[in-house]
């Protein structure tokens, strides 16, 4: 499925994403946003059995099944990836 369609799904699932973000905020993850929930979901997508065509009820169910542990694992991986400080020849400044 193409990337444009996933962007459309993101806007269509905004209420679900907000709901999941609020749920995780109630569990103590105060910094989570709906964009974080969506990016976390997209990172899980290659491991899911995605139907063709994708239907709204499948997508909503997958989003609602995500756990706070999925979010923490995603955050940890993002922290490990971090920025690429060596992609250019500029000196690194920690000021």
C-alpha atoms as a PDB file:
ATOM      1  CA  UNK A   1       0.000   0.000   0.000  1.00  0.00           C
ATOM      2  CA  UNK A   2       1.358   3.394  -0.878  1.00  0.00           C
ATOM      3  CA  UNK A   3       2.478   6.066   1.543  1.00  0.00           C
ATOM      4  CA  UNK A   4      -0.191   8.578   0.494  1.00  0.00           C
ATOM      5  CA  UNK A   5      -2.926   6.184   1.537  1.00  0.00           C
ATOM      6  CA  UNK A   6      -1.366   5.787   4.999  1.00  0.00           C
ATOM      7  CA  UNK A   7      -1.359   9.588   5.366  1.00  0.00           C
ATOM      8  CA  UNK A   8      -5.067   9.557   4.565  1.00  0.00           C
ATOM      9  CA  UNK A   9      -5.637   6.852   7.163  1.00  0.00           C
ATOM     10  CA  UNK A  10      -3.792   8.960   9.716  1.00  0.00           C
ATOM     11  CA  UNK A  11      -6.269  11.816   9.310  1.00  0.00           C
ATOM     12  CA  UNK A  12      -9.241   9.456   9.276  1.00  0.00           C
ATOM     13  CA  UNK A  13      -8.085   7.767  12.486  1.00  0.00           C
ATOM     14  CA  UNK A  14      -7.385  11.021  14.354  1.00  0.00           C
ATOM     15  CA  UNK A  15     -10.037  10.339  17.015  1.00  0.00           C
ATOM     16  CA  UNK A  16      -8.623   6.868  17.679  1.00  0.00           C
ATOM     17  CA  UNK A  17      -5.076   8.248  17.846  1.00  0.00           C
ATOM     18  CA  UNK A  18      -6.144  10.952  20.305  1.00  0.00           C
ATOM     19  CA  UNK A  19      -7.949   8.370  22.416  1.00  0.00           C
ATOM     20  CA  UNK A  20      -4.888   6.115  22.557  1.00  0.00           C
ATOM     21  CA  UNK A  21      -2.614   9.076  23.382  1.00  0.00           C
ATOM     22  CA  UNK A  22      -4.953  10.112  26.220  1.00  0.00           C
ATOM     23  CA  UNK A  23      -5.005   6.531  27.521  1.00  0.00           C
ATOM     24  CA  UNK A  24      -1.216   6.432  27.677  1.00  0.00           C
ATOM     25  CA  UNK A  25      -1.158   9.877  29.293  1.00  0.00           C
ATOM     26  CA  UNK A  26      -3.430   8.535  32.029  1.00  0.00           C
ATOM     27  CA  UNK A  27      -0.902   5.741  32.540  1.00  0.00           C
ATOM     28  CA  UNK A  28       1.814   8.324  33.197  1.00  0.00           C
ATOM     29  CA  UNK A  29       3.335   8.879  29.752  1.00  0.00           C
ATOM     30  CA  UNK A  30       2.686  12.626  29.768  1.00  0.00           C
ATOM     31  CA  UNK A  31       4.675  13.486  26.642  1.00  0.00           C
ATOM     32  CA  UNK A  32       2.887  11.150  24.201  1.00  0.00           C
ATOM     33  CA  UNK A  33       1.120  12.747  21.227  1.00  0.00           C
ATOM     34  CA  UNK A  34      -1.181  11.390  18.536  1.00  0.00           C
ATOM     35  CA  UNK A  35       1.751  11.665  16.113  1.00  0.00           C
ATOM     36  CA  UNK A  36       3.806   9.439  18.432  1.00  0.00           C
ATOM     37  CA  UNK A  37       1.012   6.864  18.490  1.00  0.00           C
ATOM     38  CA  UNK A  38       0.847   6.890  14.684  1.00  0.00           C
ATOM     39  CA  UNK A  39       4.617   6.570  14.245  1.00  0.00           C
ATOM     40  CA  UNK A  40       4.671   3.743  16.787  1.00  0.00           C
ATOM     41  CA  UNK A  41       1.911   1.992  14.819  1.00  0.00           C
ATOM     42  CA  UNK A  42       3.762   2.466  11.521  1.00  0.00           C
ATOM     43  CA  UNK A  43       6.854   0.899  13.040  1.00  0.00           C
ATOM     44  CA  UNK A  44       4.770  -2.187  13.948  1.00  0.00           C
ATOM     45  CA  UNK A  45       3.193  -2.386  10.501  1.00  0.00           C
ATOM     46  CA  UNK A  46       5.804  -4.677   8.863  1.00  0.00           C
ATOM     47  CA  UNK A  47       5.143  -7.300  11.568  1.00  0.00           C
ATOM     48  CA  UNK A  48       1.368  -7.218  11.114  1.00  0.00           C
ATOM     49  CA  UNK A  49      -0.758  -9.226   8.718  1.00  0.00           C
ATOM     50  CA  UNK A  50      -2.203  -6.262   6.815  1.00  0.00           C
ATOM     51  CA  UNK A  51      -5.349  -7.099   4.844  1.00  0.00           C
ATOM     52  CA  UNK A  52      -5.810  -5.856   1.312  1.00  0.00           C
ATOM     53  CA  UNK A  53      -7.752  -3.628   1.184  1.00  0.00           C
ATOM     54  CA  UNK A  54      -7.246  -2.045   4.597  1.00  0.00           C
ATOM     55  CA  UNK A  55     -10.566  -1.399   6.253  1.00  0.00           C
ATOM     56  CA  UNK A  56     -11.266   1.232   8.933  1.00  0.00           C
ATOM     57  CA  UNK A  57     -12.425  -1.308  11.517  1.00  0.00           C
ATOM     58  CA  UNK A  58      -9.198  -3.325  11.158  1.00  0.00           C
ATOM     59  CA  UNK A  59      -7.072  -0.223  11.538  1.00  0.00           C
ATOM     60  CA  UNK A  60      -9.029   1.046  14.557  1.00  0.00           C
ATOM     61  CA  UNK A  61      -8.809  -2.379  16.216  1.00  0.00           C
ATOM     62  CA  UNK A  62      -5.033  -2.549  15.673  1.00  0.00           C
ATOM     63  CA  UNK A  63      -4.584   0.942  17.105  1.00  0.00           C
ATOM     64  CA  UNK A  64      -6.733   0.137  20.139  1.00  0.00           C
ATOM     65  CA  UNK A  65      -4.790  -3.109  20.723  1.00  0.00           C
ATOM     66  CA  UNK A  66      -1.503  -1.253  21.056  1.00  0.00           C
ATOM     67  CA  UNK A  67      -0.093  -1.333  24.578  1.00  0.00           C
ATOM     68  CA  UNK A  68       1.943   1.220  26.492  1.00  0.00           C
ATOM     69  CA  UNK A  69       4.784  -1.305  26.330  1.00  0.00           C
ATOM     70  CA  UNK A  70       4.753  -0.997  22.520  1.00  0.00           C
ATOM     71  CA  UNK A  71       5.181   2.752  22.933  1.00  0.00           C
ATOM     72  CA  UNK A  72       8.060   2.353  25.391  1.00  0.00           C
ATOM     73  CA  UNK A  73       9.820  -0.121  23.093  1.00  0.00           C
ATOM     74  CA  UNK A  74       9.400   2.282  20.169  1.00  0.00           C
ATOM     75  CA  UNK A  75      10.764   5.188  22.245  1.00  0.00           C
ATOM     76  CA  UNK A  76      13.764   3.112  23.276  1.00  0.00           C
ATOM     77  CA  UNK A  77      14.547   2.220  19.677  1.00  0.00           C
ATOM     78  CA  UNK A  78      14.226   5.876  18.661  1.00  0.00           C
ATOM     79  CA  UNK A  79      16.660   6.845  21.413  1.00  0.00           C
ATOM     80  CA  UNK A  80      19.146   4.200  20.245  1.00  0.00           C
ATOM     81  CA  UNK A  81      18.895   5.401  16.664  1.00  0.00           C
ATOM     82  CA  UNK A  82      19.346   9.049  17.635  1.00  0.00           C
ATOM     83  CA  UNK A  83      20.690  11.698  15.286  1.00  0.00           C
ATOM     84  CA  UNK A  84      23.536  10.953  12.906  1.00  0.00           C
ATOM     85  CA  UNK A  85      26.178  13.343  14.182  1.00  0.00           C
ATOM     86  CA  UNK A  86      28.686  12.275  11.555  1.00  0.00           C
ATOM     87  CA  UNK A  87      26.645  12.840   8.378  1.00  0.00           C
ATOM     88  CA  UNK A  88      28.598  15.994   7.544  1.00  0.00           C
ATOM     89  CA  UNK A  89      32.109  17.256   8.190  1.00  0.00           C
ATOM     90  CA  UNK A  90      31.116  19.903  10.719  1.00  0.00           C
ATOM     91  CA  UNK A  91      32.598  19.867  14.191  1.00  0.00           C
ATOM     92  CA  UNK A  92      30.259  18.720  16.955  1.00  0.00           C
ATOM     93  CA  UNK A  93      29.502  21.467  19.462  1.00  0.00           C
ATOM     94  CA  UNK A  94      27.978  20.685  22.858  1.00  0.00           C
ATOM     95  CA  UNK A  95      27.410  24.328  23.851  1.00  0.00           C
END
